[in-house]
Amino acid sequence: MAEPAFDRGAFSARLATRRLGRHLLVRAEVESTNDVAWEALAAGAPDGTTVVADRQTRGRGRAGRRWHTAPGRGLALSVVMFPGCERGRLGALPLAAGLALARALERLGAAAELRWPNDLTLGGRKVAGILCESRRDTAGGDVVVIGTGLNVAQRAEDFPAELAAGTTSLALEDVVATREAAAAEFLNALEPLWDEMEEGGRERVLEAWKARAGFWGRPVAVRTAGGEVTGIARDLDPEGALLLALPEGGELRVLAGDLVETGPARVER
């Protein structure tokens, strides 16, 4: 089996966390880093265990979609975390992870925008996605695996034709970065946000998330499991759900879906 190309030394030299990433599993190829993380947890892996792979063959995104990872060019990372908050607050965790990744990219020289609920964009094109999965452990507590897919060094030809128009990478946006630096900076940014949420600071985290999203006040369509809904993107509720002002009046709370902007910001007169 091939040796992984991910440089543990370069990653560790940049890591500034207390627990996240301190137990690191590196693989050359896996089906899914989230699956490896769950397997590691079942074998007794500690809180903060992180899995990185050079290549995923069945990486997945939200709603069961595939996440494409060009071998050695994209970051595929999953981290195991034990929430200290009540189960009802887990809906905000993908937003906290997205905010952490946006802050990490900022440290690397990229100004990413957040797109509800779990994507990051550069110049309007997707550069990263977050997938959070939660389960109950044998003691009845919650465990979360946060999976991150980030396009780091991909060239245009590395993307499948059906993804090319709406997808980009740090390299394509003239941002020079390594997978090791991106992984370390993500965990460096995630740990304090996680601590803040555990200590009751979820509202501050959501406010910081909202400040990095550019679709507020705009007409949007959200494709949900029950069909498409449209309205004006107004706010997030305390659980991270999207609040839409409806054309006929009233408000709709959307828990999950694919958001697409459908027009310019509405001007209040």
C-alpha atoms as a PDB file:
ATOM      1  CA  MET A   1       0.000   0.000   0.000  1.00  0.00           C
ATOM      2  CA  ALA A   2       1.305   3.467  -0.882  1.00  0.00           C
ATOM      3  CA  GLU A   3       2.592   5.720   1.865  1.00  0.00           C
ATOM      4  CA  PRO A   4       0.510   8.848   2.570  1.00  0.00           C
ATOM      5  CA  ALA A   5       1.863  12.098   1.153  1.00  0.00           C
ATOM      6  CA  PHE A   6       0.410  14.239   3.969  1.00  0.00           C
ATOM      7  CA  ASP A   7       3.333  15.663   5.994  1.00  0.00           C
ATOM      8  CA  ARG A   8       2.732  15.030   9.702  1.00  0.00           C
ATOM      9  CA  GLY A   9       5.689  17.192  10.708  1.00  0.00           C
ATOM     10  CA  ALA A  10       4.534  20.241   8.773  1.00  0.00           C
ATOM     11  CA  PHE A  11       1.028  19.813  10.178  1.00  0.00           C
ATOM     12  CA  SER A  12       2.200  19.425  13.779  1.00  0.00           C
ATOM     13  CA  ALA A  13       4.514  22.428  13.531  1.00  0.00           C
ATOM     14  CA  ARG A  14       1.539  24.657  12.728  1.00  0.00           C
ATOM     15  CA  LEU A  15      -0.976  23.087  15.114  1.00  0.00           C
ATOM     16  CA  ALA A  16      -1.743  25.183  18.220  1.00  0.00           C
ATOM     17  CA  THR A  17      -4.612  23.229  19.760  1.00  0.00           C
ATOM     18  CA  ARG A  18      -4.892  21.454  23.098  1.00  0.00           C
ATOM     19  CA  ARG A  19      -6.768  18.383  21.852  1.00  0.00           C
ATOM     20  CA  LEU A  20      -7.977  18.635  18.251  1.00  0.00           C
ATOM     21  CA  GLY A  21      -5.549  16.918  15.913  1.00  0.00           C
ATOM     22  CA  ARG A  22      -3.274  15.705  18.686  1.00  0.00           C
ATOM     23  CA  HIS A  23      -4.224  12.137  17.795  1.00  0.00           C
ATOM     24  CA  LEU A  24      -3.796  12.033  14.012  1.00  0.00           C
ATOM     25  CA  LEU A  25      -4.574   9.184  11.618  1.00  0.00           C
ATOM     26  CA  VAL A  26      -3.197   9.626   8.096  1.00  0.00           C
ATOM     27  CA  ARG A  27      -4.170   7.393   5.196  1.00  0.00           C
ATOM     28  CA  ALA A  28      -3.170   7.297   1.531  1.00  0.00           C
ATOM     29  CA  GLU A  29      -6.652   6.236   0.385  1.00  0.00           C
ATOM     30  CA  VAL A  30      -9.975   5.646   2.089  1.00  0.00           C
ATOM     31  CA  GLU A  31     -13.591   5.408   1.028  1.00  0.00           C
ATOM     32  CA  SER A  32     -14.532   8.198   3.475  1.00  0.00           C
ATOM     33  CA  THR A  33     -12.605   9.931   6.260  1.00  0.00           C
ATOM     34  CA  ASN A  34     -15.866  10.144   8.237  1.00  0.00           C
ATOM     35  CA  ASP A  35     -16.162   6.356   8.116  1.00  0.00           C
ATOM     36  CA  VAL A  36     -12.567   5.943   9.334  1.00  0.00           C
ATOM     37  CA  ALA A  37     -13.289   8.391  12.152  1.00  0.00           C
ATOM     38  CA  TRP A  38     -16.302   6.347  13.283  1.00  0.00           C
ATOM     39  CA  GLU A  39     -14.236   3.165  13.139  1.00  0.00           C
ATOM     40  CA  ALA A  40     -11.499   4.816  15.206  1.00  0.00           C
ATOM     41  CA  LEU A  41     -14.080   5.919  17.755  1.00  0.00           C
ATOM     42  CA  ALA A  42     -15.402   2.357  18.062  1.00  0.00           C
ATOM     43  CA  ALA A  43     -11.822   1.250  18.759  1.00  0.00           C
ATOM     44  CA  GLY A  44     -11.493   3.765  21.611  1.00  0.00           C
ATOM     45  CA  ALA A  45     -10.097   6.852  19.876  1.00  0.00           C
ATOM     46  CA  PRO A  46     -10.100   9.962  22.105  1.00  0.00           C
ATOM     47  CA  ASP A  47     -11.903  13.268  21.712  1.00  0.00           C
ATOM     48  CA  GLY A  48     -10.249  15.346  18.992  1.00  0.00           C
ATOM     49  CA  THR A  49      -9.014  12.384  16.947  1.00  0.00           C
ATOM     50  CA  THR A  50      -8.452  13.605  13.384  1.00  0.00           C
ATOM     51  CA  VAL A  51      -8.365  11.608  10.158  1.00  0.00           C
ATOM     52  CA  VAL A  52      -6.731  12.910   6.969  1.00  0.00           C
ATOM     53  CA  ALA A  53      -6.564  11.091   3.635  1.00  0.00           C
ATOM     54  CA  ASP A  54      -4.748  11.870   0.388  1.00  0.00           C
ATOM     55  CA  ARG A  55      -7.662  10.429  -1.558  1.00  0.00           C
ATOM     56  CA  GLN A  56     -11.294   9.521  -0.920  1.00  0.00           C
ATOM     57  CA  THR A  57     -13.053   7.116  -3.251  1.00  0.00           C
ATOM     58  CA  ARG A  58     -16.533   7.568  -1.759  1.00  0.00           C
ATOM     59  CA  GLY A  59     -16.370  10.899   0.007  1.00  0.00           C
ATOM     60  CA  ARG A  60     -19.845  12.183   0.741  1.00  0.00           C
ATOM     61  CA  GLY A  61     -21.484  15.535   1.174  1.00  0.00           C
ATOM     62  CA  ARG A  62     -24.847  16.600   2.514  1.00  0.00           C
ATOM     63  CA  ALA A  63     -27.955  14.625   1.408  1.00  0.00           C
ATOM     64  CA  GLY A  64     -25.795  11.678   0.321  1.00  0.00           C
ATOM     65  CA  ARG A  65     -24.045  13.500  -2.535  1.00  0.00           C
ATOM     66  CA  ARG A  66     -20.498  12.576  -3.532  1.00  0.00           C
ATOM     67  CA  TRP A  67     -17.553  14.816  -2.709  1.00  0.00           C
ATOM     68  CA  HIS A  68     -14.805  14.673  -5.308  1.00  0.00           C
ATOM     69  CA  THR A  69     -11.217  14.633  -3.974  1.00  0.00           C
ATOM     70  CA  ALA A  70      -8.326  14.906  -6.426  1.00  0.00           C
ATOM     71  CA  PRO A  71      -5.519  12.688  -5.049  1.00  0.00           C
ATOM     72  CA  GLY A  72      -3.033  14.751  -3.032  1.00  0.00           C
ATOM     73  CA  ARG A  73      -4.566  18.075  -4.100  1.00  0.00           C
ATOM     74  CA  GLY A  74      -7.608  18.382  -1.872  1.00  0.00           C
ATOM     75  CA  LEU A  75      -7.923  18.221   1.887  1.00  0.00           C
ATOM     76  CA  ALA A  76     -10.198  15.444   3.169  1.00  0.00           C
ATOM     77  CA  LEU A  77     -10.353  15.692   6.965  1.00  0.00           C
ATOM     78  CA  SER A  78     -12.652  14.421   9.704  1.00  0.00           C
ATOM     79  CA  VAL A  79     -12.468  15.135  13.426  1.00  0.00           C
ATOM     80  CA  VAL A  80     -14.194  13.321  16.304  1.00  0.00           C
ATOM     81  CA  MET A  81     -15.770  15.544  18.961  1.00  0.00           C
ATOM     82  CA  PHE A  82     -17.832  14.969  22.093  1.00  0.00           C
ATOM     83  CA  PRO A  83     -20.373  17.771  22.490  1.00  0.00           C
ATOM     84  CA  GLY A  84     -20.861  19.325  25.893  1.00  0.00           C
ATOM     85  CA  CYS A  85     -24.116  20.962  24.801  1.00  0.00           C
ATOM     86  CA  GLU A  86     -27.651  19.607  24.685  1.00  0.00           C
ATOM     87  CA  ARG A  87     -28.690  17.616  21.612  1.00  0.00           C
ATOM     88  CA  GLY A  88     -31.039  20.345  20.380  1.00  0.00           C
ATOM     89  CA  ARG A  89     -28.067  22.637  19.806  1.00  0.00           C
ATOM     90  CA  LEU A  90     -26.209  20.282  17.465  1.00  0.00           C
ATOM     91  CA  GLY A  91     -27.852  21.913  14.445  1.00  0.00           C
ATOM     92  CA  ALA A  92     -25.506  24.887  14.834  1.00  0.00           C
ATOM     93  CA  LEU A  93     -22.352  22.758  14.683  1.00  0.00           C
ATOM     94  CA  PRO A  94     -22.041  22.720  10.858  1.00  0.00           C
ATOM     95  CA  LEU A  95     -22.213  26.517  10.946  1.00  0.00           C
ATOM     96  CA  ALA A  96     -19.507  26.691  13.619  1.00  0.00           C
ATOM     97  CA  ALA A  97     -17.322  24.376  11.532  1.00  0.00           C
ATOM     98  CA  GLY A  98     -17.916  26.487   8.427  1.00  0.00           C
ATOM     99  CA  LEU A  99     -17.013  29.635  10.338  1.00  0.00           C
ATOM    100  CA  ALA A 100     -13.822  27.966  11.582  1.00  0.00           C
ATOM    101  CA  LEU A 101     -12.850  27.007   8.049  1.00  0.00           C
ATOM    102  CA  ALA A 102     -13.562  30.541   6.794  1.00  0.00           C
ATOM    103  CA  ARG A 103     -11.287  31.938   9.503  1.00  0.00           C
ATOM    104  CA  ALA A 104      -8.632  29.381   8.613  1.00  0.00           C
ATOM    105  CA  LEU A 105      -8.743  30.361   4.944  1.00  0.00           C
ATOM    106  CA  GLU A 106      -8.477  34.007   5.919  1.00  0.00           C
ATOM    107  CA  ARG A 107      -5.214  33.211   7.701  1.00  0.00           C
ATOM    108  CA  LEU A 108      -4.044  31.578   4.476  1.00  0.00           C
ATOM    109  CA  GLY A 109      -4.959  34.627   2.382  1.00  0.00           C
ATOM    110  CA  ALA A 110      -8.420  33.699   1.055  1.00  0.00           C
ATOM    111  CA  ALA A 111     -11.578  35.703   1.840  1.00  0.00           C
ATOM    112  CA  ALA A 112     -14.294  33.048   1.665  1.00  0.00           C
ATOM    113  CA  GLU A 113     -18.021  33.648   1.995  1.00  0.00           C
ATOM    114  CA  LEU A 114     -20.323  31.246   3.806  1.00  0.00           C
ATOM    115  CA  ARG A 115     -23.348  29.763   2.064  1.00  0.00           C
ATOM    116  CA  TRP A 116     -25.996  28.220   4.291  1.00  0.00           C
ATOM    117  CA  PRO A 117     -25.895  25.624   5.591  1.00  0.00           C
ATOM    118  CA  ASN A 118     -22.503  24.033   4.946  1.00  0.00           C
ATOM    119  CA  ASP A 119     -20.570  25.467   1.970  1.00  0.00           C
ATOM    120  CA  LEU A 120     -17.788  28.008   1.490  1.00  0.00           C
ATOM    121  CA  THR A 121     -17.335  29.940  -1.734  1.00  0.00           C
ATOM    122  CA  LEU A 122     -14.656  32.061  -3.390  1.00  0.00           C
ATOM    123  CA  GLY A 123     -15.800  34.368  -6.164  1.00  0.00           C
ATOM    124  CA  GLY A 124     -19.211  32.700  -6.075  1.00  0.00           C
ATOM    125  CA  ARG A 125     -17.810  29.209  -6.683  1.00  0.00           C
ATOM    126  CA  LYS A 126     -17.698  26.402  -4.145  1.00  0.00           C
ATOM    127  CA  VAL A 127     -14.319  25.766  -2.555  1.00  0.00           C
ATOM    128  CA  ALA A 128     -15.278  23.692   0.499  1.00  0.00           C
ATOM    129  CA  GLY A 129     -18.076  21.802   2.193  1.00  0.00           C
ATOM    130  CA  ILE A 130     -18.836  20.569   5.694  1.00  0.00           C
ATOM    131  CA  LEU A 131     -20.649  17.367   6.680  1.00  0.00           C
ATOM    132  CA  CYS A 132     -21.509  16.744  10.348  1.00  0.00           C
ATOM    133  CA  GLU A 133     -22.752  13.346  11.501  1.00  0.00           C
ATOM    134  CA  SER A 134     -23.912  12.605  15.047  1.00  0.00           C
ATOM    135  CA  ARG A 135     -24.600   9.361  16.892  1.00  0.00           C
ATOM    136  CA  ARG A 136     -25.346   8.233  20.419  1.00  0.00           C
ATOM    137  CA  ASP A 137     -22.528   6.383  22.150  1.00  0.00           C
ATOM    138  CA  THR A 138     -22.981   3.352  24.401  1.00  0.00           C
ATOM    139  CA  ALA A 139     -23.315   5.600  27.457  1.00  0.00           C
ATOM    140  CA  GLY A 140     -26.170   7.528  25.858  1.00  0.00           C
ATOM    141  CA  GLY A 141     -24.152  10.652  25.068  1.00  0.00           C
ATOM    142  CA  ASP A 142     -23.689  12.338  21.713  1.00  0.00           C
ATOM    143  CA  VAL A 143     -20.644  12.019  19.498  1.00  0.00           C
ATOM    144  CA  VAL A 144     -20.104  14.145  16.398  1.00  0.00           C
ATOM    145  CA  VAL A 145     -17.804  13.638  13.425  1.00  0.00           C
ATOM    146  CA  ILE A 146     -17.163  16.824  11.478  1.00  0.00           C
ATOM    147  CA  GLY A 147     -16.032  16.113   7.932  1.00  0.00           C
ATOM    148  CA  THR A 148     -14.393  18.773   5.786  1.00  0.00           C
ATOM    149  CA  GLY A 149     -13.611  18.764   2.098  1.00  0.00           C
ATOM    150  CA  LEU A 150     -11.450  21.650   0.887  1.00  0.00           C
ATOM    151  CA  ASN A 151     -10.120  22.207  -2.634  1.00  0.00           C
ATOM    152  CA  VAL A 152      -6.513  23.271  -2.122  1.00  0.00           C
ATOM    153  CA  ALA A 153      -4.258  22.705  -5.117  1.00  0.00           C
ATOM    154  CA  GLN A 154      -6.640  21.458  -7.803  1.00  0.00           C
ATOM    155  CA  ARG A 155      -6.262  22.616 -11.376  1.00  0.00           C
ATOM    156  CA  ALA A 156      -9.309  23.165 -13.572  1.00  0.00           C
ATOM    157  CA  GLU A 157      -8.799  19.791 -15.244  1.00  0.00           C
ATOM    158  CA  ASP A 158      -8.901  18.008 -11.869  1.00  0.00           C
ATOM    159  CA  PHE A 159     -12.647  18.603 -11.532  1.00  0.00           C
ATOM    160  CA  PRO A 160     -15.281  16.462 -13.282  1.00  0.00           C
ATOM    161  CA  ALA A 161     -16.986  18.312 -16.147  1.00  0.00           C
ATOM    162  CA  GLU A 162     -20.291  18.547 -14.283  1.00  0.00           C
ATOM    163  CA  LEU A 163     -18.591  20.369 -11.369  1.00  0.00           C
ATOM    164  CA  ALA A 164     -16.111  22.583 -13.173  1.00  0.00           C
ATOM    165  CA  ALA A 165     -18.289  25.670 -13.698  1.00  0.00           C
ATOM    166  CA  GLY A 166     -19.352  26.021 -10.067  1.00  0.00           C
ATOM    167  CA  THR A 167     -16.220  24.834  -8.300  1.00  0.00           C
ATOM    168  CA  THR A 168     -12.838  26.357  -7.556  1.00  0.00           C
ATOM    169  CA  SER A 169      -9.732  25.774  -5.449  1.00  0.00           C
ATOM    170  CA  LEU A 170      -7.344  27.940  -3.482  1.00  0.00           C
ATOM    171  CA  ALA A 171      -4.771  27.506  -6.241  1.00  0.00           C
ATOM    172  CA  LEU A 172      -7.225  28.634  -8.935  1.00  0.00           C
ATOM    173  CA  GLU A 173      -7.862  31.775  -6.863  1.00  0.00           C
ATOM    174  CA  ASP A 174      -4.091  32.447  -6.660  1.00  0.00           C
ATOM    175  CA  VAL A 175      -3.853  31.455  -3.002  1.00  0.00           C
ATOM    176  CA  VAL A 176      -0.735  29.428  -2.294  1.00  0.00           C
ATOM    177  CA  ALA A 177      -1.322  27.007   0.582  1.00  0.00           C
ATOM    178  CA  THR A 178      -0.618  23.431   1.589  1.00  0.00           C
ATOM    179  CA  ARG A 179      -3.037  20.802   2.825  1.00  0.00           C
ATOM    180  CA  GLU A 180      -1.046  20.604   6.059  1.00  0.00           C
ATOM    181  CA  ALA A 181      -1.376  24.340   6.731  1.00  0.00           C
ATOM    182  CA  ALA A 182      -5.093  24.312   5.892  1.00  0.00           C
ATOM    183  CA  ALA A 183      -5.732  21.336   8.181  1.00  0.00           C
ATOM    184  CA  ALA A 184      -3.857  22.851  11.109  1.00  0.00           C
ATOM    185  CA  GLU A 185      -5.450  26.274  10.737  1.00  0.00           C
ATOM    186  CA  PHE A 186      -8.925  24.736  10.529  1.00  0.00           C
ATOM    187  CA  LEU A 187      -8.431  22.904  13.818  1.00  0.00           C
ATOM    188  CA  ASN A 188      -6.787  25.978  15.371  1.00  0.00           C
ATOM    189  CA  ALA A 189      -9.917  27.979  14.543  1.00  0.00           C
ATOM    190  CA  LEU A 190     -12.424  25.234  15.392  1.00  0.00           C
ATOM    191  CA  GLU A 191     -11.264  24.471  18.932  1.00  0.00           C
ATOM    192  CA  PRO A 192     -12.016  27.910  20.459  1.00  0.00           C
ATOM    193  CA  LEU A 193     -15.364  28.082  18.638  1.00  0.00           C
ATOM    194  CA  TRP A 194     -16.265  24.645  19.979  1.00  0.00           C
ATOM    195  CA  ASP A 195     -15.291  25.755  23.496  1.00  0.00           C
ATOM    196  CA  GLU A 196     -17.388  28.902  23.112  1.00  0.00           C
ATOM    197  CA  MET A 197     -20.432  26.893  22.091  1.00  0.00           C
ATOM    198  CA  GLU A 198     -19.993  24.474  24.989  1.00  0.00           C
ATOM    199  CA  GLU A 199     -19.851  27.434  27.365  1.00  0.00           C
ATOM    200  CA  GLY A 200     -23.110  28.879  26.062  1.00  0.00           C
ATOM    201  CA  GLY A 201     -21.774  31.266  23.441  1.00  0.00           C
ATOM    202  CA  ARG A 202     -23.712  29.856  20.516  1.00  0.00           C
ATOM    203  CA  GLU A 203     -25.379  33.203  19.755  1.00  0.00           C
ATOM    204  CA  ARG A 204     -21.997  34.910  19.305  1.00  0.00           C
ATOM    205  CA  VAL A 205     -20.882  32.124  16.969  1.00  0.00           C
ATOM    206  CA  LEU A 206     -24.027  32.466  14.856  1.00  0.00           C
ATOM    207  CA  GLU A 207     -23.636  36.251  14.689  1.00  0.00           C
ATOM    208  CA  ALA A 208     -20.055  35.809  13.457  1.00  0.00           C
ATOM    209  CA  TRP A 209     -21.291  33.293  10.865  1.00  0.00           C
ATOM    210  CA  LYS A 210     -23.969  35.686   9.615  1.00  0.00           C
ATOM    211  CA  ALA A 211     -21.383  38.447   9.184  1.00  0.00           C
ATOM    212  CA  ARG A 212     -19.507  36.285   6.644  1.00  0.00           C
ATOM    213  CA  ALA A 213     -22.555  35.416   4.533  1.00  0.00           C
ATOM    214  CA  GLY A 214     -23.540  37.708   1.679  1.00  0.00           C
ATOM    215  CA  PHE A 215     -27.105  36.643   0.864  1.00  0.00           C
ATOM    216  CA  TRP A 216     -29.054  38.486   3.574  1.00  0.00           C
ATOM    217  CA  GLY A 217     -31.940  40.506   2.201  1.00  0.00           C
ATOM    218  CA  ARG A 218     -31.783  38.676  -1.122  1.00  0.00           C
ATOM    219  CA  PRO A 219     -34.414  36.504  -2.804  1.00  0.00           C
ATOM    220  CA  VAL A 220     -33.357  32.872  -2.511  1.00  0.00           C
ATOM    221  CA  ALA A 221     -34.657  29.437  -3.403  1.00  0.00           C
ATOM    222  CA  VAL A 222     -33.977  26.541  -1.057  1.00  0.00           C
ATOM    223  CA  ARG A 223     -34.318  23.019  -2.377  1.00  0.00           C
ATOM    224  CA  THR A 224     -35.465  20.878   0.542  1.00  0.00           C
ATOM    225  CA  ALA A 225     -36.461  17.236   0.876  1.00  0.00           C
ATOM    226  CA  GLY A 226     -40.099  18.355   0.673  1.00  0.00           C
ATOM    227  CA  GLY A 227     -39.667  20.562  -2.391  1.00  0.00           C
ATOM    228  CA  GLU A 228     -38.430  24.028  -3.242  1.00  0.00           C
ATOM    229  CA  VAL A 229     -39.299  27.068  -1.125  1.00  0.00           C
ATOM    230  CA  THR A 230     -38.602  30.707  -1.968  1.00  0.00           C
ATOM    231  CA  GLY A 231     -38.403  33.910   0.000  1.00  0.00           C
ATOM    232  CA  ILE A 232     -36.101  36.635   1.275  1.00  0.00           C
ATOM    233  CA  ALA A 233     -33.198  35.393   3.414  1.00  0.00           C
ATOM    234  CA  ARG A 234     -33.808  37.198   6.679  1.00  0.00           C
ATOM    235  CA  ASP A 235     -31.931  35.600   9.584  1.00  0.00           C
ATOM    236  CA  LEU A 236     -30.820  32.492  11.438  1.00  0.00           C
ATOM    237  CA  ASP A 237     -32.700  31.240  14.470  1.00  0.00           C
ATOM    238  CA  PRO A 238     -30.849  30.138  17.665  1.00  0.00           C
ATOM    239  CA  GLU A 239     -30.509  26.565  16.311  1.00  0.00           C
ATOM    240  CA  GLY A 240     -28.979  27.694  13.006  1.00  0.00           C
ATOM    241  CA  ALA A 241     -32.111  27.217  10.896  1.00  0.00           C
ATOM    242  CA  LEU A 242     -32.672  29.689   8.054  1.00  0.00           C
ATOM    243  CA  LEU A 243     -35.568  32.143   8.401  1.00  0.00           C
ATOM    244  CA  LEU A 244     -37.224  33.212   5.150  1.00  0.00           C
ATOM    245  CA  ALA A 245     -39.648  36.092   4.711  1.00  0.00           C
ATOM    246  CA  LEU A 246     -42.335  34.701   2.393  1.00  0.00           C
ATOM    247  CA  PRO A 247     -43.725  36.584  -0.645  1.00  0.00           C
ATOM    248  CA  GLU A 248     -47.287  36.268   0.677  1.00  0.00           C
ATOM    249  CA  GLY A 249     -46.273  37.413   4.137  1.00  0.00           C
ATOM    250  CA  GLY A 250     -45.171  35.537   7.219  1.00  0.00           C
ATOM    251  CA  GLU A 251     -41.993  33.618   7.867  1.00  0.00           C
ATOM    252  CA  LEU A 252     -40.721  30.109   7.151  1.00  0.00           C
ATOM    253  CA  ARG A 253     -38.111  28.212   9.176  1.00  0.00           C
ATOM    254  CA  VAL A 254     -35.926  25.955   7.013  1.00  0.00           C
ATOM    255  CA  LEU A 255     -33.805  23.307   8.709  1.00  0.00           C
ATOM    256  CA  ALA A 256     -31.771  22.060   5.719  1.00  0.00           C
ATOM    257  CA  GLY A 257     -31.558  22.416   1.969  1.00  0.00           C
ATOM    258  CA  ASP A 258     -29.571  23.773  -0.959  1.00  0.00           C
ATOM    259  CA  LEU A 259     -29.661  27.562  -1.141  1.00  0.00           C
ATOM    260  CA  VAL A 260     -29.446  29.468  -4.413  1.00  0.00           C
ATOM    261  CA  GLU A 261     -29.644  33.253  -4.724  1.00  0.00           C
ATOM    262  CA  THR A 262     -32.313  34.220  -7.256  1.00  0.00           C
ATOM    263  CA  GLY A 263     -32.061  38.022  -7.340  1.00  0.00           C
ATOM    264  CA  PRO A 264     -30.419  41.173  -6.004  1.00  0.00           C
ATOM    265  CA  ALA A 265     -30.910  42.490  -2.504  1.00  0.00           C
ATOM    266  CA  ARG A 266     -34.302  43.966  -1.816  1.00  0.00           C
ATOM    267  CA  VAL A 267     -34.212  47.708  -1.140  1.00  0.00           C
ATOM    268  CA  GLU A 268     -36.429  48.842   1.718  1.00  0.00           C
ATOM    269  CA  ARG A 269     -38.146  52.195   1.128  1.00  0.00           C
END
